Amino acid sequence: MAKHPAGPVDPRLAKALSHPMRTRILAILNERVASPNEIAEMIGERLPNVSYHVRALLELETIELVSTAQRRGAIEHYYRALTRPFFSSRDWKRLPRSARQAVSDQILQMVWEDASTAIEQGAFETRPDRHLSRTPLTLDERGWDEVNALLSEVHAKAESIGARSKKRLAKSKDEETGTILVLMHFETAPEKKS
């Protein structure tokens, strides 16, 4: 069976994620509605820098304006994401290595900050049923592909569970629990022989 030619990676998403601050802003706006001022405070950056990248994301049609509010004599604009900062496996393979590295660096930085904040605030060990594991594996190519397929399935199922939970929360008075799911699978550096 002939393979279909691969189309180009969505240039808007690639450009949106080409700068670490835009990657960070888009991730925040996927989680909540926020203004550039709020985002600047969250990530510890100057408001003019954040505003510049918010405008870039708006021009790339990856975010949209959802409301405005009068704040201290100025109008504050609130945005939400239209696009998840996510590449399919197929798109990821077509990105240049330098672009993959830049996005990976930003995501790992966010993972580290999320985990550090949870530990500092005492939330990491709040639940005795939280999951944390590290599993070194030795795989052949087929095993590598099988683990990647499994993680893609887990990711899709977790997002589906999240969507169903959000619907239930909208109809109930249950307390919302914010969580972060991190999935990683990567090749290790070869061991140095002494």
N, C-alpha and C. Protein backbone atom coordinates (compact mmCIF):
# COMPACT_ATOMS: atom_id res chain seq x y z
N MET A 1 0.85 -1.17 0.00
CA MET A 1 0.00 0.00 0.00
C MET A 1 0.89 1.24 0.00
N ALA A 2 0.60 2.21 -0.85
CA ALA A 2 1.40 3.43 -0.95
C ALA A 2 1.15 4.34 0.24
N LYS A 3 2.23 4.97 0.69
CA LYS A 3 2.10 5.92 1.79
C LYS A 3 1.68 7.26 1.21
N HIS A 4 0.82 7.95 1.98
CA HIS A 4 0.43 9.29 1.57
C HIS A 4 1.57 10.25 1.89
N PRO A 5 1.85 11.20 1.00
CA PRO A 5 2.93 12.14 1.29
C PRO A 5 2.58 12.97 2.52
N ALA A 6 3.59 13.25 3.31
CA ALA A 6 3.37 14.04 4.52
C ALA A 6 3.18 15.49 4.14
N GLY A 7 2.14 16.10 4.68
CA GLY A 7 1.91 17.52 4.47
C GLY A 7 2.79 18.33 5.39
N PRO A 8 2.82 19.64 5.18
CA PRO A 8 3.67 20.47 6.03
C PRO A 8 3.11 20.58 7.45
N VAL A 9 4.00 20.83 8.40
CA VAL A 9 3.59 21.09 9.76
C VAL A 9 2.82 22.41 9.75
N ASP A 10 1.77 22.52 10.56
CA ASP A 10 1.00 23.75 10.64
C ASP A 10 1.95 24.91 10.92
N PRO A 11 2.15 25.80 9.95
CA PRO A 11 3.15 26.86 10.13
C PRO A 11 2.80 27.83 11.25
N ARG A 12 1.49 28.02 11.50
CA ARG A 12 1.10 28.91 12.60
C ARG A 12 1.54 28.34 13.94
N LEU A 13 1.31 27.04 14.14
CA LEU A 13 1.70 26.42 15.40
C LEU A 13 3.22 26.38 15.54
N ALA A 14 3.91 26.07 14.44
CA ALA A 14 5.37 26.04 14.49
C ALA A 14 5.92 27.41 14.84
N LYS A 15 5.35 28.45 14.24
CA LYS A 15 5.82 29.81 14.54
C LYS A 15 5.43 30.21 15.96
N ALA A 16 4.24 29.84 16.38
CA ALA A 16 3.80 30.16 17.74
C ALA A 16 4.73 29.55 18.78
N LEU A 17 5.20 28.36 18.51
CA LEU A 17 6.05 27.66 19.48
C LEU A 17 7.54 27.88 19.23
N SER A 18 7.85 28.77 18.30
CA SER A 18 9.27 29.01 17.99
C SER A 18 9.97 29.85 19.04
N HIS A 19 9.21 30.46 19.94
CA HIS A 19 9.81 31.26 21.02
C HIS A 19 9.36 30.68 22.35
N PRO A 20 10.28 30.49 23.29
CA PRO A 20 9.92 29.87 24.58
C PRO A 20 8.80 30.61 25.32
N MET A 21 8.79 31.94 25.24
CA MET A 21 7.74 32.67 25.96
C MET A 21 6.37 32.42 25.34
N ARG A 22 6.32 32.30 24.02
CA ARG A 22 5.03 32.02 23.38
C ARG A 22 4.56 30.62 23.73
N THR A 23 5.48 29.68 23.81
CA THR A 23 5.12 28.31 24.23
C THR A 23 4.50 28.35 25.62
N ARG A 24 5.14 29.09 26.52
CA ARG A 24 4.67 29.20 27.90
C ARG A 24 3.31 29.88 27.97
N ILE A 25 3.14 30.98 27.24
CA ILE A 25 1.86 31.71 27.24
C ILE A 25 0.75 30.83 26.69
N LEU A 26 1.01 30.13 25.60
CA LEU A 26 -0.01 29.27 25.00
C LEU A 26 -0.39 28.14 25.96
N ALA A 27 0.57 27.60 26.68
CA ALA A 27 0.27 26.55 27.66
C ALA A 27 -0.63 27.11 28.76
N ILE A 28 -0.34 28.30 29.25
CA ILE A 28 -1.17 28.93 30.30
C ILE A 28 -2.58 29.16 29.79
N LEU A 29 -2.69 29.68 28.57
CA LEU A 29 -4.02 30.00 28.03
C LEU A 29 -4.80 28.75 27.64
N ASN A 30 -4.15 27.61 27.60
CA ASN A 30 -4.87 26.34 27.44
C ASN A 30 -5.49 25.90 28.74
N GLU A 31 -4.92 26.35 29.85
CA GLU A 31 -5.43 25.96 31.17
C GLU A 31 -6.47 26.92 31.70
N ARG A 32 -6.40 28.20 31.29
CA ARG A 32 -7.32 29.20 31.84
C ARG A 32 -7.34 30.44 30.96
N VAL A 33 -8.34 31.28 31.18
CA VAL A 33 -8.40 32.59 30.56
C VAL A 33 -7.53 33.51 31.40
N ALA A 34 -6.72 34.35 30.74
CA ALA A 34 -5.83 35.25 31.48
C ALA A 34 -5.51 36.48 30.64
N SER A 35 -5.09 37.52 31.33
CA SER A 35 -4.66 38.75 30.67
C SER A 35 -3.13 38.75 30.59
N PRO A 36 -2.56 39.55 29.69
CA PRO A 36 -1.10 39.65 29.65
C PRO A 36 -0.50 40.05 31.01
N ASN A 37 -1.20 40.93 31.73
CA ASN A 37 -0.72 41.34 33.05
C ASN A 37 -0.64 40.14 34.00
N GLU A 38 -1.68 39.32 34.01
CA GLU A 38 -1.68 38.12 34.88
C GLU A 38 -0.59 37.14 34.45
N ILE A 39 -0.43 36.98 33.15
CA ILE A 39 0.58 36.06 32.64
C ILE A 39 1.98 36.55 33.03
N ALA A 40 2.21 37.86 32.89
CA ALA A 40 3.52 38.43 33.25
C ALA A 40 3.85 38.14 34.70
N GLU A 41 2.87 38.28 35.59
CA GLU A 41 3.08 37.98 37.01
C GLU A 41 3.36 36.49 37.22
N MET A 42 2.63 35.64 36.51
CA MET A 42 2.78 34.19 36.68
C MET A 42 4.16 33.71 36.27
N ILE A 43 4.70 34.26 35.18
CA ILE A 43 5.97 33.75 34.67
C ILE A 43 7.15 34.64 34.99
N GLY A 44 6.89 35.74 35.72
CA GLY A 44 7.98 36.61 36.15
C GLY A 44 8.67 37.34 35.01
N GLU A 45 7.89 37.77 34.03
CA GLU A 45 8.43 38.52 32.88
C GLU A 45 7.84 39.92 32.85
N ARG A 46 8.49 40.82 32.14
CA ARG A 46 8.00 42.19 32.00
C ARG A 46 6.75 42.20 31.12
N LEU A 47 5.78 43.04 31.50
CA LEU A 47 4.52 43.13 30.77
C LEU A 47 4.70 43.47 29.29
N PRO A 48 5.58 44.42 28.91
CA PRO A 48 5.73 44.70 27.47
C PRO A 48 6.19 43.47 26.67
N ASN A 49 7.05 42.66 27.25
CA ASN A 49 7.51 41.45 26.55
C ASN A 49 6.36 40.46 26.38
N VAL A 50 5.59 40.26 27.45
CA VAL A 50 4.46 39.33 27.39
C VAL A 50 3.42 39.84 26.39
N SER A 51 3.12 41.12 26.45
CA SER A 51 2.12 41.71 25.54
C SER A 51 2.53 41.53 24.07
N TYR A 52 3.81 41.71 23.79
CA TYR A 52 4.32 41.52 22.43
C TYR A 52 4.03 40.09 21.94
N HIS A 53 4.33 39.10 22.78
CA HIS A 53 4.13 37.70 22.38
C HIS A 53 2.65 37.32 22.34
N VAL A 54 1.84 37.93 23.20
CA VAL A 54 0.39 37.70 23.13
C VAL A 54 -0.14 38.21 21.80
N ARG A 55 0.30 39.39 21.39
CA ARG A 55 -0.12 39.93 20.07
C ARG A 55 0.31 39.00 18.94
N ALA A 56 1.52 38.45 19.04
CA ALA A 56 2.00 37.52 18.01
C ALA A 56 1.10 36.28 17.96
N LEU A 57 0.74 35.75 19.11
CA LEU A 57 -0.14 34.57 19.16
C LEU A 57 -1.53 34.90 18.60
N LEU A 58 -2.01 36.11 18.87
CA LEU A 58 -3.31 36.54 18.34
C LEU A 58 -3.26 36.63 16.82
N GLU A 59 -2.18 37.21 16.29
CA GLU A 59 -2.02 37.31 14.84
C GLU A 59 -1.90 35.94 14.18
N LEU A 60 -1.33 34.98 14.89
CA LEU A 60 -1.19 33.62 14.37
C LEU A 60 -2.47 32.80 14.54
N GLU A 61 -3.50 33.43 15.13
CA GLU A 61 -4.81 32.80 15.35
C GLU A 61 -4.72 31.55 16.22
N THR A 62 -3.82 31.58 17.20
CA THR A 62 -3.72 30.47 18.15
C THR A 62 -4.41 30.81 19.47
N ILE A 63 -4.76 32.10 19.67
CA ILE A 63 -5.53 32.54 20.84
C ILE A 63 -6.61 33.50 20.38
N GLU A 64 -7.58 33.76 21.26
CA GLU A 64 -8.62 34.73 20.94
C GLU A 64 -8.94 35.57 22.16
N LEU A 65 -9.41 36.79 21.91
CA LEU A 65 -9.85 37.69 22.95
C LEU A 65 -11.23 37.23 23.40
N VAL A 66 -11.41 37.07 24.72
CA VAL A 66 -12.72 36.62 25.21
C VAL A 66 -13.45 37.69 26.01
N SER A 67 -12.71 38.63 26.62
CA SER A 67 -13.37 39.70 27.35
C SER A 67 -12.38 40.82 27.64
N THR A 68 -12.95 41.94 28.06
CA THR A 68 -12.14 43.07 28.51
C THR A 68 -12.73 43.56 29.83
N ALA A 69 -11.89 44.24 30.62
CA ALA A 69 -12.36 44.79 31.90
C ALA A 69 -11.57 46.06 32.20
N GLN A 70 -12.25 47.02 32.80
CA GLN A 70 -11.60 48.26 33.20
C GLN A 70 -10.79 47.99 34.47
N ARG A 71 -9.48 48.29 34.42
CA ARG A 71 -8.59 48.08 35.56
C ARG A 71 -7.68 49.29 35.71
N ARG A 72 -7.78 49.98 36.82
CA ARG A 72 -6.90 51.12 37.14
C ARG A 72 -6.72 52.06 35.95
N GLY A 73 -7.80 52.49 35.37
CA GLY A 73 -7.74 53.47 34.29
C GLY A 73 -7.34 52.91 32.94
N ALA A 74 -7.19 51.60 32.82
CA ALA A 74 -6.82 50.98 31.55
C ALA A 74 -7.78 49.82 31.28
N ILE A 75 -7.79 49.39 30.05
CA ILE A 75 -8.62 48.23 29.70
C ILE A 75 -7.72 47.01 29.65
N GLU A 76 -8.08 46.01 30.45
CA GLU A 76 -7.32 44.76 30.47
C GLU A 76 -8.01 43.76 29.55
N HIS A 77 -7.23 43.09 28.69
CA HIS A 77 -7.75 42.13 27.73
C HIS A 77 -7.50 40.72 28.23
N TYR A 78 -8.50 39.86 28.10
CA TYR A 78 -8.40 38.47 28.56
C TYR A 78 -8.51 37.54 27.35
N TYR A 79 -7.61 36.56 27.32
CA TYR A 79 -7.50 35.66 26.18
C TYR A 79 -7.63 34.20 26.60
N ARG A 80 -7.94 33.36 25.62
CA ARG A 80 -7.90 31.91 25.79
C ARG A 80 -7.31 31.31 24.53
N ALA A 81 -6.78 30.11 24.67
CA ALA A 81 -6.14 29.43 23.55
C ALA A 81 -7.17 28.81 22.62
N LEU A 82 -6.85 28.83 21.35
CA LEU A 82 -7.64 28.14 20.34
C LEU A 82 -6.93 26.87 19.89
N THR A 83 -5.63 26.82 20.14
CA THR A 83 -4.78 25.72 19.70
C THR A 83 -4.00 25.18 20.88
N ARG A 84 -3.96 23.88 21.01
CA ARG A 84 -3.12 23.29 22.05
C ARG A 84 -1.68 23.30 21.59
N PRO A 85 -0.75 23.60 22.51
CA PRO A 85 0.67 23.56 22.11
C PRO A 85 1.13 22.11 22.03
N PHE A 86 0.69 21.45 20.97
CA PHE A 86 0.91 20.01 20.84
C PHE A 86 1.13 19.67 19.38
N PHE A 87 2.12 18.85 19.11
CA PHE A 87 2.36 18.34 17.77
C PHE A 87 2.03 16.86 17.76
N SER A 88 1.43 16.39 16.69
CA SER A 88 1.25 14.95 16.53
C SER A 88 2.63 14.33 16.35
N SER A 89 2.73 13.03 16.54
CA SER A 89 4.01 12.34 16.33
C SER A 89 4.51 12.57 14.91
N ARG A 90 3.61 12.58 13.98
CA ARG A 90 3.96 12.78 12.57
C ARG A 90 4.54 14.18 12.35
N ASP A 91 3.86 15.20 12.92
CA ASP A 91 4.36 16.58 12.79
C ASP A 91 5.69 16.76 13.51
N TRP A 92 5.80 16.14 14.68
CA TRP A 92 7.02 16.28 15.48
C TRP A 92 8.24 15.79 14.70
N LYS A 93 8.07 14.67 13.99
CA LYS A 93 9.17 14.11 13.21
C LYS A 93 9.61 15.04 12.08
N ARG A 94 8.68 15.86 11.58
CA ARG A 94 8.99 16.75 10.46
C ARG A 94 9.61 18.07 10.90
N LEU A 95 9.61 18.35 12.19
CA LEU A 95 10.23 19.59 12.67
C LEU A 95 11.75 19.44 12.65
N PRO A 96 12.47 20.52 12.40
CA PRO A 96 13.93 20.43 12.50
C PRO A 96 14.33 20.11 13.94
N ARG A 97 15.46 19.45 14.08
CA ARG A 97 15.94 19.07 15.41
C ARG A 97 16.04 20.27 16.33
N SER A 98 16.48 21.42 15.84
CA SER A 98 16.62 22.62 16.67
C SER A 98 15.27 23.07 17.21
N ALA A 99 14.21 22.97 16.40
CA ALA A 99 12.88 23.35 16.85
C ALA A 99 12.36 22.37 17.89
N ARG A 100 12.60 21.07 17.65
CA ARG A 100 12.19 20.06 18.64
C ARG A 100 12.90 20.31 19.97
N GLN A 101 14.21 20.63 19.89
CA GLN A 101 14.98 20.88 21.11
C GLN A 101 14.43 22.09 21.87
N ALA A 102 14.10 23.16 21.15
CA ALA A 102 13.58 24.37 21.80
C ALA A 102 12.25 24.10 22.51
N VAL A 103 11.35 23.37 21.85
CA VAL A 103 10.06 23.05 22.46
C VAL A 103 10.28 22.11 23.65
N SER A 104 11.14 21.10 23.50
CA SER A 104 11.43 20.17 24.60
C SER A 104 12.01 20.90 25.80
N ASP A 105 12.94 21.82 25.55
CA ASP A 105 13.54 22.58 26.65
C ASP A 105 12.47 23.33 27.43
N GLN A 106 11.54 23.97 26.72
CA GLN A 106 10.50 24.74 27.39
C GLN A 106 9.55 23.84 28.17
N ILE A 107 9.17 22.72 27.59
CA ILE A 107 8.25 21.81 28.28
C ILE A 107 8.91 21.23 29.53
N LEU A 108 10.17 20.82 29.42
CA LEU A 108 10.87 20.29 30.59
C LEU A 108 11.03 21.35 31.68
N GLN A 109 11.25 22.59 31.29
CA GLN A 109 11.32 23.68 32.26
C GLN A 109 9.99 23.83 33.00
N MET A 110 8.89 23.75 32.25
CA MET A 110 7.57 23.86 32.86
C MET A 110 7.29 22.68 33.78
N VAL A 111 7.68 21.48 33.38
CA VAL A 111 7.50 20.29 34.22
C VAL A 111 8.27 20.47 35.53
N TRP A 112 9.51 20.91 35.43
CA TRP A 112 10.34 21.12 36.61
C TRP A 112 9.71 22.16 37.54
N GLU A 113 9.24 23.27 36.97
CA GLU A 113 8.63 24.33 37.77
C GLU A 113 7.33 23.84 38.42
N ASP A 114 6.51 23.10 37.67
CA ASP A 114 5.26 22.57 38.23
C ASP A 114 5.53 21.64 39.40
N ALA A 115 6.47 20.72 39.21
CA ALA A 115 6.80 19.77 40.28
C ALA A 115 7.42 20.49 41.47
N SER A 116 8.32 21.42 41.22
CA SER A 116 8.97 22.16 42.31
C SER A 116 7.96 22.95 43.12
N THR A 117 7.03 23.62 42.43
CA THR A 117 6.00 24.40 43.12
C THR A 117 5.11 23.48 43.95
N ALA A 118 4.72 22.35 43.40
CA ALA A 118 3.88 21.41 44.15
C ALA A 118 4.61 20.90 45.39
N ILE A 119 5.90 20.63 45.27
CA ILE A 119 6.68 20.16 46.42
C ILE A 119 6.81 21.28 47.46
N GLU A 120 7.18 22.49 47.01
CA GLU A 120 7.34 23.63 47.92
C GLU A 120 6.05 23.94 48.68
N GLN A 121 4.91 23.82 48.02
CA GLN A 121 3.63 24.15 48.64
C GLN A 121 3.02 22.97 49.39
N GLY A 122 3.72 21.84 49.41
CA GLY A 122 3.23 20.68 50.13
C GLY A 122 2.12 19.91 49.44
N ALA A 123 1.86 20.22 48.17
CA ALA A 123 0.78 19.55 47.44
C ALA A 123 1.22 18.22 46.84
N PHE A 124 2.50 18.06 46.59
CA PHE A 124 2.98 16.87 45.89
C PHE A 124 2.64 15.59 46.65
N GLU A 125 2.74 15.62 47.97
CA GLU A 125 2.47 14.42 48.78
C GLU A 125 1.12 14.47 49.48
N THR A 126 0.22 15.35 49.05
CA THR A 126 -1.10 15.45 49.68
C THR A 126 -1.89 14.15 49.54
N ARG A 127 -1.85 13.57 48.36
CA ARG A 127 -2.64 12.36 48.11
C ARG A 127 -1.73 11.13 48.16
N PRO A 128 -2.13 10.13 48.96
CA PRO A 128 -1.31 8.92 49.02
C PRO A 128 -1.41 8.06 47.77
N ASP A 129 -2.37 8.37 46.88
CA ASP A 129 -2.55 7.57 45.67
C ASP A 129 -2.00 8.25 44.42
N ARG A 130 -1.14 9.28 44.57
CA ARG A 130 -0.53 9.90 43.40
C ARG A 130 0.48 8.92 42.80
N HIS A 131 0.84 9.13 41.55
CA HIS A 131 1.74 8.20 40.87
C HIS A 131 3.07 8.88 40.55
N LEU A 132 4.15 8.19 40.82
CA LEU A 132 5.48 8.64 40.44
C LEU A 132 6.31 7.39 40.19
N SER A 133 6.85 7.29 39.00
CA SER A 133 7.67 6.11 38.71
C SER A 133 8.78 6.48 37.72
N ARG A 134 9.81 5.69 37.77
CA ARG A 134 10.92 5.79 36.82
C ARG A 134 11.27 4.36 36.44
N THR A 135 11.17 4.04 35.17
CA THR A 135 11.33 2.67 34.73
C THR A 135 12.33 2.57 33.59
N PRO A 136 13.60 2.29 33.88
CA PRO A 136 14.56 2.07 32.79
C PRO A 136 14.21 0.80 32.02
N LEU A 137 14.23 0.87 30.71
CA LEU A 137 13.91 -0.29 29.86
C LEU A 137 15.02 -0.48 28.83
N THR A 138 15.18 -1.71 28.37
CA THR A 138 16.03 -2.01 27.22
C THR A 138 15.10 -2.49 26.12
N LEU A 139 15.06 -1.76 25.00
CA LEU A 139 14.07 -2.03 23.96
C LEU A 139 14.72 -2.21 22.59
N ASP A 140 14.06 -3.02 21.76
CA ASP A 140 14.40 -3.05 20.34
C ASP A 140 13.47 -2.04 19.65
N GLU A 141 13.56 -1.88 18.34
CA GLU A 141 12.74 -0.89 17.62
C GLU A 141 11.25 -1.16 17.81
N ARG A 142 10.87 -2.43 17.76
CA ARG A 142 9.46 -2.77 17.92
C ARG A 142 8.99 -2.38 19.32
N GLY A 143 9.81 -2.67 20.34
CA GLY A 143 9.47 -2.30 21.71
C GLY A 143 9.35 -0.79 21.87
N TRP A 144 10.28 -0.04 21.25
CA TRP A 144 10.23 1.43 21.28
C TRP A 144 8.89 1.92 20.72
N ASP A 145 8.50 1.38 19.56
CA ASP A 145 7.24 1.78 18.94
C ASP A 145 6.04 1.40 19.80
N GLU A 146 6.09 0.22 20.42
CA GLU A 146 4.97 -0.22 21.27
C GLU A 146 4.81 0.68 22.49
N VAL A 147 5.92 1.08 23.12
CA VAL A 147 5.83 1.97 24.29
C VAL A 147 5.29 3.33 23.86
N ASN A 148 5.77 3.85 22.72
CA ASN A 148 5.25 5.14 22.24
C ASN A 148 3.76 5.07 21.95
N ALA A 149 3.31 3.99 21.34
CA ALA A 149 1.88 3.82 21.05
C ALA A 149 1.08 3.77 22.36
N LEU A 150 1.60 3.06 23.35
CA LEU A 150 0.94 2.96 24.65
C LEU A 150 0.81 4.34 25.29
N LEU A 151 1.89 5.14 25.26
CA LEU A 151 1.85 6.46 25.87
C LEU A 151 0.89 7.39 25.13
N SER A 152 0.81 7.27 23.81
CA SER A 152 -0.15 8.07 23.05
C SER A 152 -1.58 7.70 23.46
N GLU A 153 -1.81 6.42 23.66
CA GLU A 153 -3.14 5.96 24.09
C GLU A 153 -3.47 6.48 25.49
N VAL A 154 -2.50 6.42 26.40
CA VAL A 154 -2.71 6.93 27.76
C VAL A 154 -3.02 8.43 27.70
N HIS A 155 -2.27 9.16 26.90
CA HIS A 155 -2.49 10.60 26.75
C HIS A 155 -3.91 10.89 26.27
N ALA A 156 -4.34 10.20 25.23
CA ALA A 156 -5.68 10.41 24.67
C ALA A 156 -6.76 10.06 25.70
N LYS A 157 -6.58 8.95 26.41
CA LYS A 157 -7.57 8.55 27.42
C LYS A 157 -7.61 9.55 28.57
N ALA A 158 -6.44 10.05 28.98
CA ALA A 158 -6.40 11.03 30.08
C ALA A 158 -7.13 12.31 29.67
N GLU A 159 -6.95 12.75 28.43
CA GLU A 159 -7.66 13.95 27.97
C GLU A 159 -9.17 13.71 27.94
N SER A 160 -9.58 12.53 27.54
CA SER A 160 -11.00 12.19 27.51
C SER A 160 -11.57 12.18 28.94
N ILE A 161 -10.83 11.62 29.87
CA ILE A 161 -11.26 11.62 31.27
C ILE A 161 -11.38 13.05 31.79
N GLY A 162 -10.40 13.89 31.43
CA GLY A 162 -10.44 15.29 31.83
C GLY A 162 -11.67 16.01 31.30
N ALA A 163 -12.01 15.75 30.04
CA ALA A 163 -13.19 16.39 29.43
C ALA A 163 -14.48 15.93 30.13
N ARG A 164 -14.58 14.64 30.43
CA ARG A 164 -15.77 14.13 31.13
C ARG A 164 -15.84 14.70 32.55
N SER A 165 -14.71 14.81 33.22
CA SER A 165 -14.68 15.38 34.57
C SER A 165 -15.14 16.84 34.55
N LYS A 166 -14.69 17.58 33.55
CA LYS A 166 -15.07 18.99 33.44
C LYS A 166 -16.58 19.13 33.29
N LYS A 167 -17.19 18.27 32.49
CA LYS A 167 -18.65 18.29 32.31
C LYS A 167 -19.36 17.96 33.61
N ARG A 168 -18.87 16.95 34.33
CA ARG A 168 -19.49 16.58 35.62
C ARG A 168 -19.36 17.72 36.62
N LEU A 169 -18.18 18.36 36.66
CA LEU A 169 -17.96 19.46 37.60
C LEU A 169 -18.90 20.63 37.32
N ALA A 170 -19.22 20.88 36.05
CA ALA A 170 -20.12 21.97 35.70
C ALA A 170 -21.53 21.73 36.22
N LYS A 171 -21.90 20.46 36.41
CA LYS A 171 -23.24 20.10 36.85
C LYS A 171 -23.33 19.82 38.35
N SER A 172 -22.19 19.77 39.03
CA SER A 172 -22.20 19.39 40.45
C SER A 172 -21.52 20.46 41.29
N LYS A 173 -21.54 20.22 42.58
CA LYS A 173 -20.86 21.12 43.52
C LYS A 173 -19.59 20.47 44.05
N ASP A 174 -19.13 19.42 43.36
CA ASP A 174 -17.90 18.74 43.77
C ASP A 174 -16.72 19.69 43.67
N GLU A 175 -15.74 19.46 44.52
CA GLU A 175 -14.54 20.28 44.48
C GLU A 175 -13.64 19.82 43.34
N GLU A 176 -13.10 20.79 42.64
CA GLU A 176 -12.21 20.54 41.51
C GLU A 176 -10.80 20.25 42.02
N THR A 177 -10.14 19.26 41.41
CA THR A 177 -8.75 18.94 41.75
C THR A 177 -7.89 19.18 40.52
N GLY A 178 -6.99 20.15 40.62
CA GLY A 178 -6.07 20.41 39.52
C GLY A 178 -4.93 19.40 39.58
N THR A 179 -4.59 18.82 38.44
CA THR A 179 -3.51 17.85 38.38
C THR A 179 -2.66 18.10 37.13
N ILE A 180 -1.50 17.50 37.11
CA ILE A 180 -0.65 17.54 35.92
C ILE A 180 -0.19 16.12 35.64
N LEU A 181 -0.36 15.68 34.41
CA LEU A 181 0.09 14.37 33.98
C LEU A 181 1.28 14.58 33.06
N VAL A 182 2.39 13.97 33.39
CA VAL A 182 3.60 14.08 32.58
C VAL A 182 3.94 12.69 32.06
N LEU A 183 4.09 12.57 30.76
CA LEU A 183 4.51 11.32 30.14
C LEU A 183 5.80 11.58 29.40
N MET A 184 6.81 10.78 29.66
CA MET A 184 8.08 10.93 28.94
C MET A 184 8.60 9.56 28.56
N HIS A 185 9.20 9.50 27.41
CA HIS A 185 9.86 8.29 26.95
C HIS A 185 11.01 8.77 26.08
N PHE A 186 12.21 8.51 26.49
CA PHE A 186 13.35 9.04 25.75
C PHE A 186 14.51 8.06 25.80
N GLU A 187 15.37 8.19 24.81
CA GLU A 187 16.56 7.34 24.75
C GLU A 187 17.60 7.89 25.73
N THR A 188 18.26 7.01 26.44
CA THR A 188 19.31 7.43 27.38
C THR A 188 20.63 7.52 26.66
N ALA A 189 21.51 8.29 27.24
CA ALA A 189 22.86 8.38 26.70
C ALA A 189 23.56 7.05 26.96
N PRO A 190 24.40 6.61 26.06
CA PRO A 190 25.13 5.35 26.30
C PRO A 190 26.01 5.46 27.54
N GLU A 191 26.08 4.36 28.26
CA GLU A 191 26.94 4.35 29.45
C GLU A 191 28.40 4.42 29.03
N LYS A 192 29.15 5.21 29.78
CA LYS A 192 30.58 5.32 29.48
C LYS A 192 31.30 4.14 30.11
N LYS A 193 32.12 3.51 29.32
CA LYS A 193 32.89 2.35 29.81
C LYS A 193 34.18 2.86 30.42
N SER A 194 34.52 2.35 31.61
CA SER A 194 35.77 2.79 32.21
C SER A 194 36.84 1.74 32.09
